[in-house]
Amino acid sequence: MLSSEVVTLGSEARALLATTAGAPMLPRTCVLDAAWVEGRGWALLEANAAWGAGLNGCDAAEAARCIAEATRA
Protein backbone atom coordinates (compact mmCIF):
# COMPACT_ATOMS: atom_id res chain seq x y z
CA MET A 1 0.00 0.00 0.00
CA LEU A 2 1.29 3.43 -0.93
CA SER A 3 -0.07 6.38 0.97
CA SER A 4 0.90 10.01 1.18
CA GLU A 5 -1.47 10.67 4.06
CA VAL A 6 -0.29 12.71 6.99
CA VAL A 7 0.01 10.46 10.00
CA THR A 8 0.82 11.04 13.64
CA LEU A 9 4.27 9.61 14.19
CA GLY A 10 4.98 7.38 17.12
CA SER A 11 8.08 7.52 19.29
CA GLU A 12 10.06 5.14 17.04
CA ALA A 13 9.58 7.32 13.95
CA ARG A 14 10.25 10.51 15.92
CA ALA A 15 13.49 9.01 17.26
CA LEU A 16 14.62 8.11 13.73
CA LEU A 17 13.89 11.62 12.46
CA ALA A 18 15.54 13.29 15.46
CA THR A 19 18.69 11.25 14.93
CA THR A 20 18.68 11.96 11.19
CA ALA A 21 18.06 15.69 11.73
CA GLY A 22 21.33 15.90 13.64
CA ALA A 23 23.38 14.49 10.77
CA PRO A 24 26.14 16.89 9.71
CA MET A 25 25.51 16.42 5.96
CA LEU A 26 22.04 17.99 6.11
CA PRO A 27 21.50 21.71 5.57
CA ARG A 28 20.52 23.93 8.54
CA THR A 29 16.87 23.51 7.69
CA CYS A 30 15.09 20.88 5.64
CA VAL A 31 11.97 18.77 5.72
CA LEU A 32 12.40 15.07 6.48
CA ASP A 33 9.84 12.57 5.21
CA ALA A 34 9.58 9.21 6.92
CA ALA A 35 8.01 6.08 5.47
CA TRP A 36 6.87 2.82 6.98
CA VAL A 37 8.51 -0.14 5.22
CA GLU A 38 6.52 -3.31 5.81
CA GLY A 39 8.64 -5.89 7.59
CA ARG A 40 11.47 -3.41 8.30
CA GLY A 41 10.01 -0.44 10.16
CA TRP A 42 10.49 3.30 9.75
CA ALA A 43 12.95 4.69 7.22
CA LEU A 44 13.97 8.11 5.95
CA LEU A 45 12.22 8.52 2.61
CA GLU A 46 13.67 11.87 1.56
CA ALA A 47 14.95 15.24 2.67
CA ASN A 48 13.60 18.33 0.91
CA ALA A 49 14.18 22.06 0.93
CA ALA A 50 11.97 23.80 3.48
CA TRP A 51 10.31 26.08 0.92
CA GLY A 52 9.34 23.15 -1.31
CA ALA A 53 7.28 21.23 1.23
CA GLY A 54 3.60 21.46 2.03
CA LEU A 55 2.39 22.20 5.55
CA ASN A 56 0.95 18.70 6.02
CA GLY A 57 -0.41 19.46 9.46
CA CYS A 58 2.58 21.56 10.58
CA ASP A 59 2.31 24.86 12.42
CA ALA A 60 2.37 27.55 9.69
CA ALA A 61 4.32 30.01 11.88
CA GLU A 62 7.02 27.41 12.54
CA ALA A 63 7.17 26.52 8.85
CA ALA A 64 7.63 30.21 7.98
CA ARG A 65 10.42 30.47 10.56
CA CYS A 66 12.12 27.44 9.02
CA ILE A 67 11.90 28.93 5.51
CA ALA A 68 13.28 32.25 6.77
CA GLU A 69 16.22 30.44 8.39
CA ALA A 70 16.86 28.46 5.21
CA THR A 71 17.15 31.63 3.15
CA ARG A 72 19.60 33.44 5.45
CA ALA A 73 23.08 33.91 4.07
PDB file of N, CA and C in Angstrom:
ATOM      1  N   MET A   1       0.840  -1.174   0.000  1.00  0.00           N
ATOM      2  CA  MET A   1       0.000   0.000   0.000  1.00  0.00           C
ATOM      3  C   MET A   1       0.880   1.231   0.000  1.00  0.00           C
ATOM      4  N   LEU A   2       0.575   2.163  -0.857  1.00  0.00           N
ATOM      5  CA  LEU A   2       1.291   3.430  -0.929  1.00  0.00           C
ATOM      6  C   LEU A   2       0.337   4.521  -0.476  1.00  0.00           C
ATOM      7  N   SER A   3       0.787   5.316   0.468  1.00  0.00           N
ATOM      8  CA  SER A   3      -0.065   6.377   0.971  1.00  0.00           C
ATOM      9  C   SER A   3       0.766   7.623   1.231  1.00  0.00           C
ATOM     10  N   SER A   4       0.231   8.754   0.876  1.00  0.00           N
ATOM     11  CA  SER A   4       0.905  10.009   1.180  1.00  0.00           C
ATOM     12  C   SER A   4       0.133  10.765   2.251  1.00  0.00           C
ATOM     13  N   GLU A   5      -0.691  10.039   3.004  1.00  0.00           N
ATOM     14  CA  GLU A   5      -1.473  10.672   4.057  1.00  0.00           C
ATOM     15  C   GLU A   5      -0.562  11.162   5.175  1.00  0.00           C
ATOM     16  N   VAL A   6      -0.988  12.229   5.815  1.00  0.00           N
ATOM     17  CA  VAL A   6      -0.286  12.715   6.993  1.00  0.00           C
ATOM     18  C   VAL A   6      -0.694  11.825   8.154  1.00  0.00           C
ATOM     19  N   VAL A   7       0.285  11.318   8.858  1.00  0.00           N
ATOM     20  CA  VAL A   7       0.006  10.459  10.001  1.00  0.00           C
ATOM     21  C   VAL A   7       0.690  11.035  11.237  1.00  0.00           C
ATOM     22  N   THR A   8       0.168  10.664  12.393  1.00  0.00           N
ATOM     23  CA  THR A   8       0.818  11.036  13.640  1.00  0.00           C
ATOM     24  C   THR A   8       1.917  10.027  13.888  1.00  0.00           C
ATOM     25  N   LEU A   9       3.139  10.513  14.022  1.00  0.00           N
ATOM     26  CA  LEU A   9       4.272   9.611  14.191  1.00  0.00           C
ATOM     27  C   LEU A   9       4.407   9.172  15.634  1.00  0.00           C
ATOM     28  N   GLY A  10       4.725   7.915  15.804  1.00  0.00           N
ATOM     29  CA  GLY A  10       4.983   7.382  17.125  1.00  0.00           C
ATOM     30  C   GLY A  10       6.412   7.677  17.554  1.00  0.00           C
ATOM     31  N   SER A  11       6.759   7.218  18.725  1.00  0.00           N
ATOM     32  CA  SER A  11       8.076   7.523  19.287  1.00  0.00           C
ATOM     33  C   SER A  11       9.218   6.925  18.464  1.00  0.00           C
ATOM     34  N   GLU A  12       9.005   5.774  17.853  1.00  0.00           N
ATOM     35  CA  GLU A  12      10.056   5.143  17.040  1.00  0.00           C
ATOM     36  C   GLU A  12      10.392   6.002  15.819  1.00  0.00           C
ATOM     37  N   ALA A  13       9.360   6.481  15.130  1.00  0.00           N
ATOM     38  CA  ALA A  13       9.576   7.325  13.949  1.00  0.00           C
ATOM     39  C   ALA A  13      10.178   8.662  14.355  1.00  0.00           C
ATOM     40  N   ARG A  14       9.701   9.230  15.441  1.00  0.00           N
ATOM     41  CA  ARG A  14      10.252  10.507  15.921  1.00  0.00           C
ATOM     42  C   ARG A  14      11.723  10.366  16.295  1.00  0.00           C
ATOM     43  N   ALA A  15      12.088   9.248  16.897  1.00  0.00           N
ATOM     44  CA  ALA A  15      13.493   9.013  17.264  1.00  0.00           C
ATOM     45  C   ALA A  15      14.361   8.916  16.010  1.00  0.00           C
ATOM     46  N   LEU A  16      13.883   8.219  14.989  1.00  0.00           N
ATOM     47  CA  LEU A  16      14.623   8.111  13.732  1.00  0.00           C
ATOM     48  C   LEU A  16      14.841   9.494  13.125  1.00  0.00           C
ATOM     49  N   LEU A  17      13.785  10.295  13.063  1.00  0.00           N
ATOM     50  CA  LEU A  17      13.888  11.620  12.459  1.00  0.00           C
ATOM     51  C   LEU A  17      14.765  12.558  13.294  1.00  0.00           C
ATOM     52  N   ALA A  18      14.693  12.455  14.604  1.00  0.00           N
ATOM     53  CA  ALA A  18      15.536  13.294  15.464  1.00  0.00           C
ATOM     54  C   ALA A  18      17.006  12.956  15.268  1.00  0.00           C
ATOM     55  N   THR A  19      17.310  11.680  15.160  1.00  0.00           N
ATOM     56  CA  THR A  19      18.694  11.255  14.927  1.00  0.00           C
ATOM     57  C   THR A  19      19.159  11.729  13.557  1.00  0.00           C
ATOM     58  N   THR A  20      18.332  11.557  12.553  1.00  0.00           N
ATOM     59  CA  THR A  20      18.679  11.959  11.188  1.00  0.00           C
ATOM     60  C   THR A  20      18.849  13.474  11.096  1.00  0.00           C
ATOM     61  N   ALA A  21      17.997  14.225  11.783  1.00  0.00           N
ATOM     62  CA  ALA A  21      18.057  15.687  11.727  1.00  0.00           C
ATOM     63  C   ALA A  21      19.393  16.213  12.246  1.00  0.00           C
ATOM     64  N   GLY A  22      20.049  15.464  13.101  1.00  0.00           N
ATOM     65  CA  GLY A  22      21.326  15.897  13.637  1.00  0.00           C
ATOM     66  C   GLY A  22      22.520  15.531  12.777  1.00  0.00           C
ATOM     67  N   ALA A  23      22.281  14.910  11.643  1.00  0.00           N
ATOM     68  CA  ALA A  23      23.382  14.488  10.768  1.00  0.00           C
ATOM     69  C   ALA A  23      24.080  15.707  10.170  1.00  0.00           C
ATOM     70  N   PRO A  24      25.406  15.713  10.176  1.00  0.00           N
ATOM     71  CA  PRO A  24      26.137  16.886   9.705  1.00  0.00           C
ATOM     72  C   PRO A  24      26.004  17.159   8.200  1.00  0.00           C
ATOM     73  N   MET A  25      25.582  16.185   7.402  1.00  0.00           N
ATOM     74  CA  MET A  25      25.506  16.415   5.962  1.00  0.00           C
ATOM     75  C   MET A  25      24.219  17.107   5.538  1.00  0.00           C
ATOM     76  N   LEU A  26      23.289  17.295   6.446  1.00  0.00           N
ATOM     77  CA  LEU A  26      22.039  17.988   6.109  1.00  0.00           C
ATOM     78  C   LEU A  26      22.217  19.501   6.220  1.00  0.00           C
ATOM     79  N   PRO A  27      21.454  20.255   5.426  1.00  0.00           N
ATOM     80  CA  PRO A  27      21.497  21.714   5.570  1.00  0.00           C
ATOM     81  C   PRO A  27      20.889  22.133   6.913  1.00  0.00           C
ATOM     82  N   ARG A  28      21.054  23.420   7.267  1.00  0.00           N
ATOM     83  CA  ARG A  28      20.524  23.931   8.544  1.00  0.00           C
ATOM     84  C   ARG A  28      19.050  23.620   8.707  1.00  0.00           C
ATOM     85  N   THR A  29      18.298  23.801   7.642  1.00  0.00           N
ATOM     86  CA  THR A  29      16.865  23.514   7.689  1.00  0.00           C
ATOM     87  C   THR A  29      16.484  22.672   6.483  1.00  0.00           C
ATOM     88  N   CYS A  30      15.651  21.708   6.713  1.00  0.00           N
ATOM     89  CA  CYS A  30      15.091  20.881   5.636  1.00  0.00           C
ATOM     90  C   CYS A  30      13.893  20.141   6.203  1.00  0.00           C
ATOM     91  N   VAL A  31      13.142  19.537   5.330  1.00  0.00           N
ATOM     92  CA  VAL A  31      11.973  18.768   5.716  1.00  0.00           C
ATOM     93  C   VAL A  31      12.309  17.299   5.514  1.00  0.00           C
ATOM     94  N   LEU A  32      12.113  16.501   6.557  1.00  0.00           N
ATOM     95  CA  LEU A  32      12.396  15.071   6.482  1.00  0.00           C
ATOM     96  C   LEU A  32      11.082  14.306   6.362  1.00  0.00           C
ATOM     97  N   ASP A  33      11.008  13.422   5.392  1.00  0.00           N
ATOM     98  CA  ASP A  33       9.839  12.566   5.211  1.00  0.00           C
ATOM     99  C   ASP A  33      10.205  11.150   5.628  1.00  0.00           C
ATOM    100  N   ALA A  34       9.368  10.586   6.472  1.00  0.00           N
ATOM    101  CA  ALA A  34       9.576   9.207   6.919  1.00  0.00           C
ATOM    102  C   ALA A  34       8.548   8.305   6.251  1.00  0.00           C
ATOM    103  N   ALA A  35       8.918   7.053   6.077  1.00  0.00           N
ATOM    104  CA  ALA A  35       8.010   6.081   5.465  1.00  0.00           C
ATOM    105  C   ALA A  35       8.067   4.779   6.257  1.00  0.00           C
ATOM    106  N   TRP A  36       6.938   4.123   6.344  1.00  0.00           N
ATOM    107  CA  TRP A  36       6.871   2.820   6.983  1.00  0.00           C
ATOM    108  C   TRP A  36       7.145   1.760   5.929  1.00  0.00           C
ATOM    109  N   VAL A  37       8.163   0.939   6.145  1.00  0.00           N
ATOM    110  CA  VAL A  37       8.508  -0.140   5.223  1.00  0.00           C
ATOM    111  C   VAL A  37       8.061  -1.440   5.875  1.00  0.00           C
ATOM    112  N   GLU A  38       7.082  -2.072   5.257  1.00  0.00           N
ATOM    113  CA  GLU A  38       6.521  -3.310   5.810  1.00  0.00           C
ATOM    114  C   GLU A  38       7.621  -4.337   6.063  1.00  0.00           C
ATOM    115  N   GLY A  39       7.657  -4.871   7.245  1.00  0.00           N
ATOM    116  CA  GLY A  39       8.640  -5.886   7.594  1.00  0.00           C
ATOM    117  C   GLY A  39       9.988  -5.341   8.032  1.00  0.00           C
ATOM    118  N   ARG A  40      10.176  -4.017   7.938  1.00  0.00           N
ATOM    119  CA  ARG A  40      11.465  -3.413   8.299  1.00  0.00           C
ATOM    120  C   ARG A  40      11.324  -2.278   9.301  1.00  0.00           C
ATOM    121  N   GLY A  41      10.214  -1.552   9.240  1.00  0.00           N
ATOM    122  CA  GLY A  41      10.010  -0.436  10.158  1.00  0.00           C
ATOM    123  C   GLY A  41      10.144   0.907   9.467  1.00  0.00           C
ATOM    124  N   TRP A  42      10.399   1.946  10.263  1.00  0.00           N
ATOM    125  CA  TRP A  42      10.487   3.304   9.748  1.00  0.00           C
ATOM    126  C   TRP A  42      11.814   3.541   9.042  1.00  0.00           C
ATOM    127  N   ALA A  43      11.751   4.347   7.979  1.00  0.00           N
ATOM    128  CA  ALA A  43      12.954   4.693   7.220  1.00  0.00           C
ATOM    129  C   ALA A  43      12.837   6.140   6.754  1.00  0.00           C
ATOM    130  N   LEU A  44      13.978   6.772   6.532  1.00  0.00           N
ATOM    131  CA  LEU A  44      13.973   8.106   5.947  1.00  0.00           C
ATOM    132  C   LEU A  44      13.670   7.959   4.466  1.00  0.00           C
ATOM    133  N   LEU A  45      12.617   8.602   4.015  1.00  0.00           N
ATOM    134  CA  LEU A  45      12.223   8.525   2.607  1.00  0.00           C
ATOM    135  C   LEU A  45      12.973   9.571   1.785  1.00  0.00           C
ATOM    136  N   GLU A  46      12.981  10.808   2.278  1.00  0.00           N
ATOM    137  CA  GLU A  46      13.670  11.867   1.557  1.00  0.00           C
ATOM    138  C   GLU A  46      13.841  13.086   2.449  1.00  0.00           C
ATOM    139  N   ALA A  47      14.753  13.950   2.034  1.00  0.00           N
ATOM    140  CA  ALA A  47      14.947  15.245   2.674  1.00  0.00           C
ATOM    141  C   ALA A  47      14.747  16.303   1.593  1.00  0.00           C
ATOM    142  N   ASN A  48      13.934  17.302   1.889  1.00  0.00           N
ATOM    143  CA  ASN A  48      13.603  18.333   0.908  1.00  0.00           C
ATOM    144  C   ASN A  48      13.889  19.727   1.448  1.00  0.00           C
ATOM    145  N   ALA A  49      14.033  20.664   0.543  1.00  0.00           N
ATOM    146  CA  ALA A  49      14.181  22.060   0.929  1.00  0.00           C
ATOM    147  C   ALA A  49      12.924  22.517   1.660  1.00  0.00           C
ATOM    148  N   ALA A  50      13.098  23.350   2.661  1.00  0.00           N
ATOM    149  CA  ALA A  50      11.971  23.796   3.482  1.00  0.00           C
ATOM    150  C   ALA A  50      10.896  24.499   2.664  1.00  0.00           C
ATOM    151  N   TRP A  51      11.285  25.316   1.686  1.00  0.00           N
ATOM    152  CA  TRP A  51      10.313  26.080   0.918  1.00  0.00           C
ATOM    153  C   TRP A  51       9.576  25.231  -0.113  1.00  0.00           C
ATOM    154  N   GLY A  52       9.986  23.993  -0.323  1.00  0.00           N
ATOM    155  CA  GLY A  52       9.341  23.146  -1.311  1.00  0.00           C
ATOM    156  C   GLY A  52       8.365  22.146  -0.725  1.00  0.00           C
ATOM    157  N   ALA A  53       8.141  22.213   0.574  1.00  0.00           N
ATOM    158  CA  ALA A  53       7.276  21.229   1.232  1.00  0.00           C
ATOM    159  C   ALA A  53       5.922  21.842   1.565  1.00  0.00           C
ATOM    160  N   GLY A  54       4.919  21.015   1.598  1.00  0.00           N
ATOM    161  CA  GLY A  54       3.596  21.460   2.034  1.00  0.00           C
ATOM    162  C   GLY A  54       3.540  21.495   3.549  1.00  0.00           C
ATOM    163  N   LEU A  55       2.513  22.120   4.092  1.00  0.00           N
ATOM    164  CA  LEU A  55       2.393  22.205   5.547  1.00  0.00           C
ATOM    165  C   LEU A  55       2.097  20.844   6.170  1.00  0.00           C
ATOM    166  N   ASN A  56       1.258  20.058   5.542  1.00  0.00           N
ATOM    167  CA  ASN A  56       0.955  18.699   6.017  1.00  0.00           C
ATOM    168  C   ASN A  56       0.753  18.624   7.520  1.00  0.00           C
ATOM    169  N   GLY A  57      -0.080  19.504   8.045  1.00  0.00           N
ATOM    170  CA  GLY A  57      -0.407  19.462   9.458  1.00  0.00           C
ATOM    171  C   GLY A  57       0.573  20.201  10.357  1.00  0.00           C
ATOM    172  N   CYS A  58       1.589  20.829   9.775  1.00  0.00           N
ATOM    173  CA  CYS A  58       2.578  21.562  10.575  1.00  0.00           C
ATOM    174  C   CYS A  58       2.046  22.938  10.954  1.00  0.00           C
ATOM    175  N   ASP A  59       2.620  23.504  11.983  1.00  0.00           N
ATOM    176  CA  ASP A  59       2.307  24.855  12.417  1.00  0.00           C
ATOM    177  C   ASP A  59       2.849  25.831  11.368  1.00  0.00           C
ATOM    178  N   ALA A  60       1.974  26.642  10.773  1.00  0.00           N
ATOM    179  CA  ALA A  60       2.371  27.551   9.694  1.00  0.00           C
ATOM    180  C   ALA A  60       3.428  28.555  10.147  1.00  0.00           C
ATOM    181  N   ALA A  61       3.332  29.041  11.371  1.00  0.00           N
ATOM    182  CA  ALA A  61       4.316  30.007  11.878  1.00  0.00           C
ATOM    183  C   ALA A  61       5.694  29.362  11.992  1.00  0.00           C
ATOM    184  N   GLU A  62       5.743  28.132  12.443  1.00  0.00           N
ATOM    185  CA  GLU A  62       7.023  27.409  12.545  1.00  0.00           C
ATOM    186  C   GLU A  62       7.591  27.118  11.168  1.00  0.00           C
ATOM    187  N   ALA A  63       6.719  26.772  10.219  1.00  0.00           N
ATOM    188  CA  ALA A  63       7.172  26.520   8.852  1.00  0.00           C
ATOM    189  C   ALA A  63       7.763  27.794   8.250  1.00  0.00           C
ATOM    190  N   ALA A  64       7.123  28.940   8.486  1.00  0.00           N
ATOM    191  CA  ALA A  64       7.635  30.212   7.978  1.00  0.00           C
ATOM    192  C   ALA A  64       8.991  30.536   8.609  1.00  0.00           C
ATOM    193  N   ARG A  65       9.151  30.243   9.883  1.00  0.00           N
ATOM    194  CA  ARG A  65      10.421  30.471  10.563  1.00  0.00           C
ATOM    195  C   ARG A  65      11.524  29.596   9.962  1.00  0.00           C
ATOM    196  N   CYS A  66      11.177  28.375   9.646  1.00  0.00           N
ATOM    197  CA  CYS A  66      12.117  27.440   9.024  1.00  0.00           C
ATOM    198  C   CYS A  66      12.548  27.939   7.643  1.00  0.00           C
ATOM    199  N   ILE A  67      11.593  28.408   6.851  1.00  0.00           N
ATOM    200  CA  ILE A  67      11.899  28.930   5.509  1.00  0.00           C
ATOM    201  C   ILE A  67      12.782  30.176   5.624  1.00  0.00           C
ATOM    202  N   ALA A  68      12.474  31.049   6.573  1.00  0.00           N
ATOM    203  CA  ALA A  68      13.278  32.252   6.768  1.00  0.00           C
ATOM    204  C   ALA A  68      14.722  31.872   7.134  1.00  0.00           C
ATOM    205  N   GLU A  69      14.890  30.894   7.992  1.00  0.00           N
ATOM    206  CA  GLU A  69      16.220  30.439   8.389  1.00  0.00           C
ATOM    207  C   GLU A  69      16.960  29.833   7.194  1.00  0.00           C
ATOM    208  N   ALA A  70      16.243  29.116   6.365  1.00  0.00           N
ATOM    209  CA  ALA A  70      16.862  28.457   5.206  1.00  0.00           C
ATOM    210  C   ALA A  70      17.357  29.468   4.173  1.00  0.00           C
ATOM    211  N   THR A  71      16.770  30.648   4.153  1.00  0.00           N
ATOM    212  CA  THR A  71      17.147  31.635   3.146  1.00  0.00           C
ATOM    213  C   THR A  71      18.148  32.664   3.660  1.00  0.00           C
ATOM    214  N   ARG A  72      18.562  32.527   4.911  1.00  0.00           N
ATOM    215  CA  ARG A  72      19.597  33.437   5.453  1.00  0.00           C
ATOM    216  C   ARG A  72      20.946  33.112   4.844  1.00  0.00           C
ATOM    217  N   ALA A  73      21.730  34.119   4.627  1.00  0.00           N
ATOM    218  CA  ALA A  73      23.076  33.911   4.066  1.00  0.00           C
ATOM    219  C   ALA A  73      24.037  33.425   5.126  1.00  0.00           C
TER     220      ALA A  73
END
